[in-house]
Every structure is written in structure tokens, then in C-alpha cells.
Amino acid sequence: MSANVILKKGEGRTLKAGGAWIYDNEIDKIEGEFENGDMVFVSDFDGYPMGQGFINTRSKITVRMMTRKKDTVVDDAFIEMRVRDAWEYRKTTVDTSSCRLIFGEADFLPGIVIDKFSDVLVVESLALGIDRFKPVILDKLKKVLAEDGISIRGVYERSDAKVRLQEGMERVKGFIGEPFDTKVEIVENGVRYMVDVQDGLPVVREVRRQRQKALAHGLEVAVRVQKMLHAQLKHVLREHVNIREIIVERLAAATNGVRDHLDRDAVDRVVVEQVHICIRERRARPVLLHEVCLRSCAGQTPALFFLAL
């Protein structure tokens, strides 16, 4: 590595704030020879070292940073350190049975995403420089997982995003290594899903689709139950149109005849609520009038409706 990318004066604000990208319009000049995908040094306009990253002049994001130290050697040991740090973090924060193991810039490996679905890895590489590190990253990841007793039976690549064309790369989709059964059963929050990593939709979207399907089915059942309860409620109130007046009369009698001060809307709410309770507890059996009255006023005048209506 011999090239040095020098930033314009006043540029690189995102980089200095902790970002990992350098855009083409932030670069003043590039000293030395390089090929797209190579590691290069990055310096500020005054020569202050900003770190190292891989370069691709075909992309608007010309440099993606790998380290902020100019003396760091980006080799297999460096990649293993990055992968190990990402895995250790996942173990303390998420359910690692199925999760995102490598999340690009967030794990200081810009441009690559690796998801774990049970014992299968799905990789997406979006930048030329990181694509060259892909075999090493996968090997080190398998090694780190094996240390915790996790065996990976296969790796599938889904690097078919259009952004690869802007990086000067072809869109790729297929097995890395030996082919395997791409149907995988995963568990998320206690719910089991069957996903196919070779399917047309990205696997994460497929999981969301199945979750939404399950939710929609649950809502459909809830709507059917609600309609049944509503029909039962209408039947009860239609058969016993005087239920409200009976409760009002009894409450008025229990309160020394102060009928005009009763909140009739509140009584209506109590009736509807108690009818629902009766229907639910009796498994949607038609509710008897005296049951509703007994339940409606039990909390206000316990001894009022002990006699049958």
C-alpha cells in the first residue's frame, strides 16, 4: 500500500465525527499508485493522519475506513479481531440462535453484512474492497463460532443489490462452498419460522412476511369472535329491551328514589360490559336477564338482586 488520499481543507467533517465514509468531492488529491479495492492511507489537508481504508474511484463513496490508526496492519489477524469483537457483542445483547453477526460499518467492517439463520450464514457484500476480504471474514467467523460449539453447515451469498454495479462488480447470488438445503427453521421470540435463504425475497423480509401473516390470522380470528359476541349482545338487548329500565328502577329504589340523579349513560356502559362478561364466561351461551342484572349491580348494591327478577 503506497497511495495517500488527501482531503480538502474544511472537508471530512463526517469522518472526523466518527463516520466511515469519504466521498469523492471531499478529496483534494491522491498521491501514489493504487488499484480500486486497495488499502490506502488517508490524511487531512495539513498532513494529519486520519487512518486507512479501501478505495474505489468508481463509487461516490471513494474510501471506506477500516481503521483510524496509520500504523495498523490490516491482515488476517486484524480481521479476526474485528469478527471476534462483533460476536462477543452479539452474545451479550441478542439471541444468537438467529441474528445479524456482522453489520457493516457498525462492526468496523464497512460494506459487508452477514446474517446467521440457525446453522446457515447469509452474506451480502456491497463494496469492492471488502469483497476481497470476504473469504477471510467468513473463515474467521466460522472459527470464532466453532469455539463456542456452533457449527455452520453452509454459506449462501445474496450480493445481488444494484449498488454493486456502481462499485464495478457483478451481482452475485449462490452458494459459497458446498451446496446445502436452503430451507432453514429458525426461532424468533419463541415463534418458529421456516425460511428459504435461496428464495426471491431477502430472508429478513420473508420472516417479517410470515410474522405479519400470523398476526393477520390472529386478527381475523379476533374479528370473528367479536362479531359473534356482538350478535349475542344484540340478541340479549333485543330480547330484553327493558333491562336498562329495570336496573335503573332497582338502583333508584336502593338510593331512596333519587332516580333523576342516576347516570343513565353509565348504566348503559355497565350493562354492555356485563353482557360481554356473561357471554365470555358462559362461552357465548345466551345470557339470561337476571344474570345481567345480578352482575351489573353486584358491586353497587350487593343485596339488591339476590331475588330473581
Protein backbone atom coordinates (compact mmCIF):
# COMPACT_ATOMS: atom_id res chain seq x y z
CA MET A 1 0.00 0.00 0.00
CA SER A 2 1.60 3.23 -1.14
CA ALA A 3 -1.20 5.66 -2.06
CA ASN A 4 -2.24 8.51 0.18
CA VAL A 5 -5.67 10.19 -0.09
CA ILE A 6 -5.50 13.85 0.96
CA LEU A 7 -8.70 15.66 1.97
CA LYS A 8 -9.63 19.19 1.00
CA LYS A 9 -9.36 21.87 3.65
CA GLY A 10 -12.58 22.01 5.66
CA GLU A 11 -13.81 18.65 4.36
CA GLY A 12 -14.07 15.28 6.08
CA ARG A 13 -16.45 16.54 8.75
CA THR A 14 -18.38 13.26 8.80
CA LEU A 15 -15.15 11.29 9.07
CA LYS A 16 -13.90 13.46 11.93
CA ALA A 17 -17.24 13.00 13.71
CA GLY A 18 -16.82 9.21 13.67
CA GLY A 19 -18.12 8.26 10.24
CA ALA A 20 -16.51 5.68 7.98
CA TRP A 21 -17.01 7.16 4.51
CA ILE A 22 -15.10 9.66 2.40
CA TYR A 23 -16.97 10.98 -0.63
CA ASP A 24 -15.33 11.86 -3.92
CA ASN A 25 -16.00 15.61 -3.55
CA GLU A 26 -14.09 15.67 -0.23
CA ILE A 27 -10.81 14.56 -1.79
CA ASP A 28 -8.19 17.10 -2.88
CA LYS A 29 -5.74 14.67 -4.46
CA ILE A 30 -4.41 11.12 -4.34
CA GLU A 31 -0.66 10.63 -4.16
CA GLY A 32 0.92 7.36 -5.24
CA GLU A 33 -0.26 4.39 -7.26
CA PHE A 34 -3.21 2.17 -6.44
CA GLU A 35 -5.87 -0.07 -7.89
CA ASN A 36 -9.53 0.09 -6.98
CA GLY A 37 -10.09 -2.11 -3.95
CA ASP A 38 -6.62 -1.46 -2.49
CA MET A 39 -5.96 -0.21 1.02
CA VAL A 40 -4.79 3.43 1.14
CA PHE A 41 -3.71 5.94 3.76
CA VAL A 42 -5.96 8.94 4.45
CA SER A 43 -4.58 12.32 5.55
CA ASP A 44 -6.13 15.69 6.30
CA PHE A 45 -5.19 18.73 4.21
CA ASP A 46 -2.35 19.54 6.62
CA GLY A 47 -0.90 16.04 6.58
CA TYR A 48 -2.51 14.85 9.83
CA PRO A 49 -3.08 11.05 9.53
CA MET A 50 -6.76 10.04 9.56
CA GLY A 51 -6.32 6.28 9.20
CA GLN A 52 -6.62 3.65 6.48
CA GLY A 53 -9.39 2.42 4.22
CA PHE A 54 -10.01 0.76 0.87
CA ILE A 55 -10.50 2.90 -2.20
CA ASN A 56 -12.76 2.72 -5.23
CA THR A 57 -12.83 5.73 -7.53
CA ARG A 58 -15.86 4.34 -9.40
CA SER A 59 -18.04 4.92 -6.36
CA LYS A 60 -19.29 8.17 -4.88
CA ILE A 61 -18.07 6.73 -1.57
CA THR A 62 -14.45 6.71 -2.66
CA VAL A 63 -12.90 5.49 0.59
CA ARG A 64 -14.40 3.31 3.32
CA MET A 65 -12.36 3.39 6.51
CA MET A 66 -11.08 0.19 8.13
CA THR A 67 -9.02 1.74 10.94
CA ARG A 68 -8.15 5.17 12.36
CA LYS A 69 -4.53 4.21 13.05
CA LYS A 70 -1.94 4.73 10.34
CA ASP A 71 0.38 2.04 11.74
CA THR A 72 -2.19 -0.77 11.95
CA VAL A 73 -1.58 -3.73 9.66
CA VAL A 74 -4.86 -4.83 8.10
CA ASP A 75 -4.23 -8.56 7.77
CA ASP A 76 -5.89 -11.84 8.79
CA ALA A 77 -5.24 -11.19 12.48
CA PHE A 78 -6.87 -7.76 12.19
CA ILE A 79 -9.95 -9.26 10.51
CA GLU A 80 -10.21 -11.94 13.20
CA MET A 81 -10.09 -9.26 15.88
CA ARG A 82 -12.95 -7.36 14.22
CA VAL A 83 -15.04 -10.53 13.80
CA ARG A 84 -14.42 -11.67 17.36
CA ASP A 85 -15.41 -8.27 18.77
CA ALA A 86 -18.67 -8.38 16.78
CA TRP A 87 -19.50 -11.89 18.02
CA GLU A 88 -18.72 -11.09 21.65
CA TYR A 89 -21.01 -8.07 21.44
CA ARG A 90 -23.85 -10.16 19.99
CA LYS A 91 -23.56 -12.70 22.78
CA THR A 92 -24.24 -10.02 25.37
CA THR A 93 -27.09 -8.26 23.59
CA VAL A 94 -29.22 -10.56 21.39
CA ASP A 95 -30.50 -14.09 20.92
CA THR A 96 -27.68 -15.55 18.85
CA SER A 97 -29.65 -18.53 17.52
CA SER A 98 -30.57 -16.32 14.55
CA CYS A 99 -29.22 -12.80 14.33
CA ARG A 100 -27.10 -10.34 12.35
CA LEU A 101 -23.49 -11.24 13.13
CA ILE A 102 -21.72 -8.57 11.05
CA PHE A 103 -23.42 -5.26 10.33
CA GLY A 104 -21.01 -3.36 8.10
CA GLU A 105 -19.77 -0.05 9.43
CA ALA A 106 -21.34 -0.67 12.84
CA ASP A 107 -18.82 -3.50 13.33
CA PHE A 108 -15.97 -1.60 11.59
CA LEU A 109 -16.14 -3.89 8.55
CA PRO A 110 -17.71 -1.49 6.05
CA GLY A 111 -19.78 -2.80 3.18
CA ILE A 112 -20.50 -6.34 4.36
CA VAL A 113 -23.50 -7.84 6.15
CA ILE A 114 -23.61 -11.41 7.47
CA ASP A 115 -26.76 -12.93 8.99
CA LYS A 116 -26.95 -16.18 10.91
CA PHE A 117 -30.08 -18.30 10.47
CA SER A 118 -29.69 -21.25 12.81
CA ASP A 119 -26.71 -23.08 11.27
CA VAL A 120 -26.62 -21.18 7.96
CA LEU A 121 -24.84 -17.93 7.13
CA VAL A 122 -26.15 -15.46 4.55
CA VAL A 123 -23.64 -12.88 3.33
CA GLU A 124 -24.10 -9.66 1.36
CA SER A 125 -21.03 -7.81 0.12
CA LEU A 126 -21.58 -4.32 -1.30
CA ALA A 127 -18.12 -2.81 -1.72
CA LEU A 128 -15.14 -3.83 -3.84
CA GLY A 129 -12.55 -3.55 -1.08
CA ILE A 130 -14.46 -5.61 1.47
CA ASP A 131 -15.32 -8.16 -1.20
CA ARG A 132 -11.65 -9.05 -1.32
CA PHE A 133 -11.70 -9.67 2.44
CA LYS A 134 -14.89 -11.76 2.25
CA PRO A 135 -13.22 -15.22 2.25
CA VAL A 136 -11.08 -14.29 5.25
CA ILE A 137 -14.05 -12.80 7.13
CA LEU A 138 -16.11 -15.96 6.60
CA ASP A 139 -13.26 -18.25 7.64
CA LYS A 140 -12.58 -16.26 10.81
CA LEU A 141 -16.29 -16.11 11.62
CA LYS A 142 -16.64 -19.89 11.34
CA LYS A 143 -13.59 -20.27 13.57
CA VAL A 144 -14.96 -17.93 16.24
CA LEU A 145 -18.37 -19.63 16.21
CA ALA A 146 -16.78 -23.09 16.41
CA GLU A 147 -15.02 -22.03 19.62
CA ASP A 148 -18.48 -21.71 21.17
CA GLY A 149 -19.62 -25.06 19.79
CA ILE A 150 -21.57 -23.62 16.83
CA SER A 151 -21.12 -25.50 13.56
CA ILE A 152 -22.05 -23.80 10.28
CA ARG A 153 -23.31 -26.23 7.65
CA GLY A 154 -23.37 -23.78 4.77
CA VAL A 155 -22.94 -20.23 3.47
CA TYR A 156 -25.19 -18.58 0.91
CA GLU A 157 -24.36 -15.31 -0.80
CA ARG A 158 -27.04 -12.74 -1.64
CA SER A 159 -24.84 -9.99 -3.09
CA ASP A 160 -27.37 -9.11 -5.77
CA ALA A 161 -28.06 -5.46 -4.92
CA LYS A 162 -27.82 -2.90 -7.73
CA VAL A 163 -25.28 -0.86 -5.77
CA ARG A 164 -22.64 -3.47 -6.68
CA LEU A 165 -22.85 -2.27 -10.27
CA GLN A 166 -21.82 1.21 -9.12
CA GLU A 167 -18.82 -0.39 -7.42
CA GLY A 168 -17.81 -2.03 -10.69
CA MET A 169 -18.84 -5.52 -9.52
CA GLU A 170 -21.31 -8.04 -10.84
CA ARG A 171 -24.39 -9.04 -8.90
CA VAL A 172 -23.84 -12.44 -7.30
CA LYS A 173 -26.20 -14.99 -5.81
CA GLY A 174 -25.37 -18.56 -4.92
CA PHE A 175 -23.58 -20.98 -2.63
CA ILE A 176 -20.15 -20.29 -1.19
CA GLY A 177 -18.70 -23.75 -0.84
CA GLU A 178 -20.70 -26.96 -0.98
CA PRO A 179 -24.44 -26.71 -1.80
CA PHE A 180 -26.89 -27.46 1.01
CA ASP A 181 -30.60 -27.50 1.79
CA THR A 182 -31.54 -23.81 1.87
CA LYS A 183 -34.73 -24.30 3.89
CA VAL A 184 -33.95 -23.40 7.48
CA GLU A 185 -36.14 -23.43 10.58
CA ILE A 186 -35.43 -20.53 12.92
CA VAL A 187 -36.90 -19.45 16.26
CA GLU A 188 -37.65 -15.79 16.98
CA ASN A 189 -39.14 -14.84 20.35
CA GLY A 190 -40.39 -18.39 20.80
CA VAL A 191 -42.08 -18.48 17.38
CA ARG A 192 -40.81 -20.93 14.76
CA TYR A 193 -40.40 -19.86 11.14
CA MET A 194 -39.40 -21.81 8.06
CA VAL A 195 -37.35 -19.62 5.73
CA ASP A 196 -35.59 -20.31 2.45
CA VAL A 197 -32.33 -18.38 2.04
CA GLN A 198 -32.49 -19.02 -1.70
CA ASP A 199 -35.97 -17.52 -2.07
CA GLY A 200 -36.66 -14.48 -4.19
CA LEU A 201 -37.21 -12.23 -1.19
CA PRO A 202 -34.39 -11.48 1.22
CA VAL A 203 -34.70 -13.75 4.23
CA VAL A 204 -35.37 -10.96 6.70
CA ARG A 205 -38.33 -9.76 4.63
CA GLU A 206 -39.61 -13.33 4.46
CA VAL A 207 -39.55 -13.59 8.26
CA ARG A 208 -41.44 -10.29 8.52
CA ARG A 209 -43.96 -11.53 5.95
CA GLN A 210 -44.59 -14.70 7.93
CA ARG A 211 -44.89 -12.71 11.15
CA GLN A 212 -47.43 -10.38 9.52
CA LYS A 213 -49.30 -13.38 8.14
CA ALA A 214 -49.53 -14.90 11.61
CA LEU A 215 -50.68 -11.57 13.02
CA ALA A 216 -53.29 -11.18 10.30
CA HIS A 217 -54.61 -14.66 11.05
CA GLY A 218 -54.88 -13.79 14.73
CA LEU A 219 -56.74 -10.58 13.89
CA GLU A 220 -59.08 -12.49 11.61
CA VAL A 221 -59.95 -14.88 14.42
CA ALA A 222 -60.42 -11.97 16.80
CA VAL A 223 -62.79 -10.26 14.35
CA ARG A 224 -64.86 -13.42 14.01
CA VAL A 225 -65.11 -13.74 17.79
CA GLN A 226 -66.01 -10.06 18.10
CA LYS A 227 -68.77 -10.43 15.53
CA MET A 228 -70.13 -13.44 17.38
CA LEU A 229 -70.12 -11.56 20.68
CA HIS A 230 -71.74 -8.54 19.06
CA ALA A 231 -74.51 -10.72 17.62
CA GLN A 232 -75.08 -12.27 21.04
CA LEU A 233 -75.17 -8.84 22.64
CA LYS A 234 -77.74 -7.56 20.13
CA HIS A 235 -79.82 -10.69 20.75
CA VAL A 236 -79.75 -10.17 24.52
CA LEU A 237 -80.64 -6.50 24.35
CA ARG A 238 -83.34 -7.13 21.77
CA GLU A 239 -84.92 -9.91 23.81
CA HIS A 240 -84.78 -7.88 27.00
CA VAL A 241 -85.41 -4.30 25.94
CA ASN A 242 -86.43 -3.35 29.44
CA ILE A 243 -83.15 -4.41 31.05
CA ARG A 244 -81.93 -0.83 31.36
CA GLU A 245 -85.11 0.43 32.93
CA ILE A 246 -85.22 -2.48 35.36
CA ILE A 247 -81.70 -1.72 36.57
CA VAL A 248 -82.45 2.00 36.81
CA GLU A 249 -85.63 1.30 38.81
CA ARG A 250 -83.84 -1.02 41.22
CA LEU A 251 -80.94 1.39 41.67
CA ALA A 252 -83.36 4.24 42.26
CA ALA A 253 -85.15 2.20 44.88
CA ALA A 254 -81.86 1.37 46.57
CA THR A 255 -80.91 5.06 46.67
CA ASN A 256 -84.10 6.31 48.29
CA GLY A 257 -85.79 7.00 44.98
CA VAL A 258 -83.32 9.56 43.67
CA ARG A 259 -83.85 8.36 40.11
CA ASP A 260 -83.17 11.64 38.34
CA HIS A 261 -79.60 11.77 39.62
CA LEU A 262 -78.62 8.43 38.07
CA ASP A 263 -76.12 8.50 35.24
CA ARG A 264 -78.06 6.59 32.59
CA ASP A 265 -75.06 6.51 30.24
CA ALA A 266 -73.04 4.90 32.99
CA VAL A 267 -75.78 2.33 33.48
CA ASP A 268 -75.72 1.58 29.75
CA ARG A 269 -71.98 1.08 29.88
CA VAL A 270 -72.33 -1.27 32.84
CA VAL A 271 -74.99 -3.28 31.04
CA VAL A 272 -72.96 -3.68 27.88
CA GLU A 273 -69.83 -4.56 29.83
CA GLN A 274 -71.58 -7.13 31.96
CA VAL A 275 -73.32 -8.69 28.98
CA HIS A 276 -69.92 -9.20 27.40
CA ILE A 277 -68.64 -10.75 30.63
CA CYS A 278 -71.59 -13.10 30.79
CA ILE A 279 -71.15 -14.14 27.17
CA ARG A 280 -67.43 -14.73 27.63
CA GLU A 281 -67.74 -16.72 30.85
CA ARG A 282 -70.65 -18.78 29.54
CA ARG A 283 -68.86 -19.44 26.24
CA ALA A 284 -71.26 -17.33 24.18
CA ARG A 285 -74.37 -19.01 25.68
CA PRO A 286 -77.41 -16.70 25.52
CA VAL A 287 -77.44 -14.59 28.67
CA LEU A 288 -80.41 -14.55 30.97
CA LEU A 289 -81.81 -11.21 32.02
CA HIS A 290 -81.45 -11.87 35.73
CA GLU A 291 -77.79 -12.85 35.26
CA VAL A 292 -77.02 -9.49 33.66
CA CYS A 293 -78.86 -7.57 36.36
CA LEU A 294 -77.20 -9.51 39.15
CA ARG A 295 -73.75 -8.91 37.69
CA SER A 296 -74.41 -5.26 36.76
CA CYS A 297 -75.27 -4.11 40.22
CA ALA A 298 -73.42 -6.57 42.39
CA GLY A 299 -70.67 -4.08 43.11
CA GLN A 300 -73.01 -1.18 43.98
CA THR A 301 -75.86 -2.81 45.89
CA PRO A 302 -74.80 -6.36 46.80
CA ALA A 303 -78.12 -7.34 48.39
CA LEU A 304 -80.33 -5.73 45.79
CA PHE A 305 -80.72 -8.50 43.26
CA PHE A 306 -80.48 -11.60 45.35
CA LEU A 307 -84.11 -12.31 44.44
CA ALA A 308 -84.94 -13.47 40.92
CA LEU A 309 -86.45 -10.85 38.68
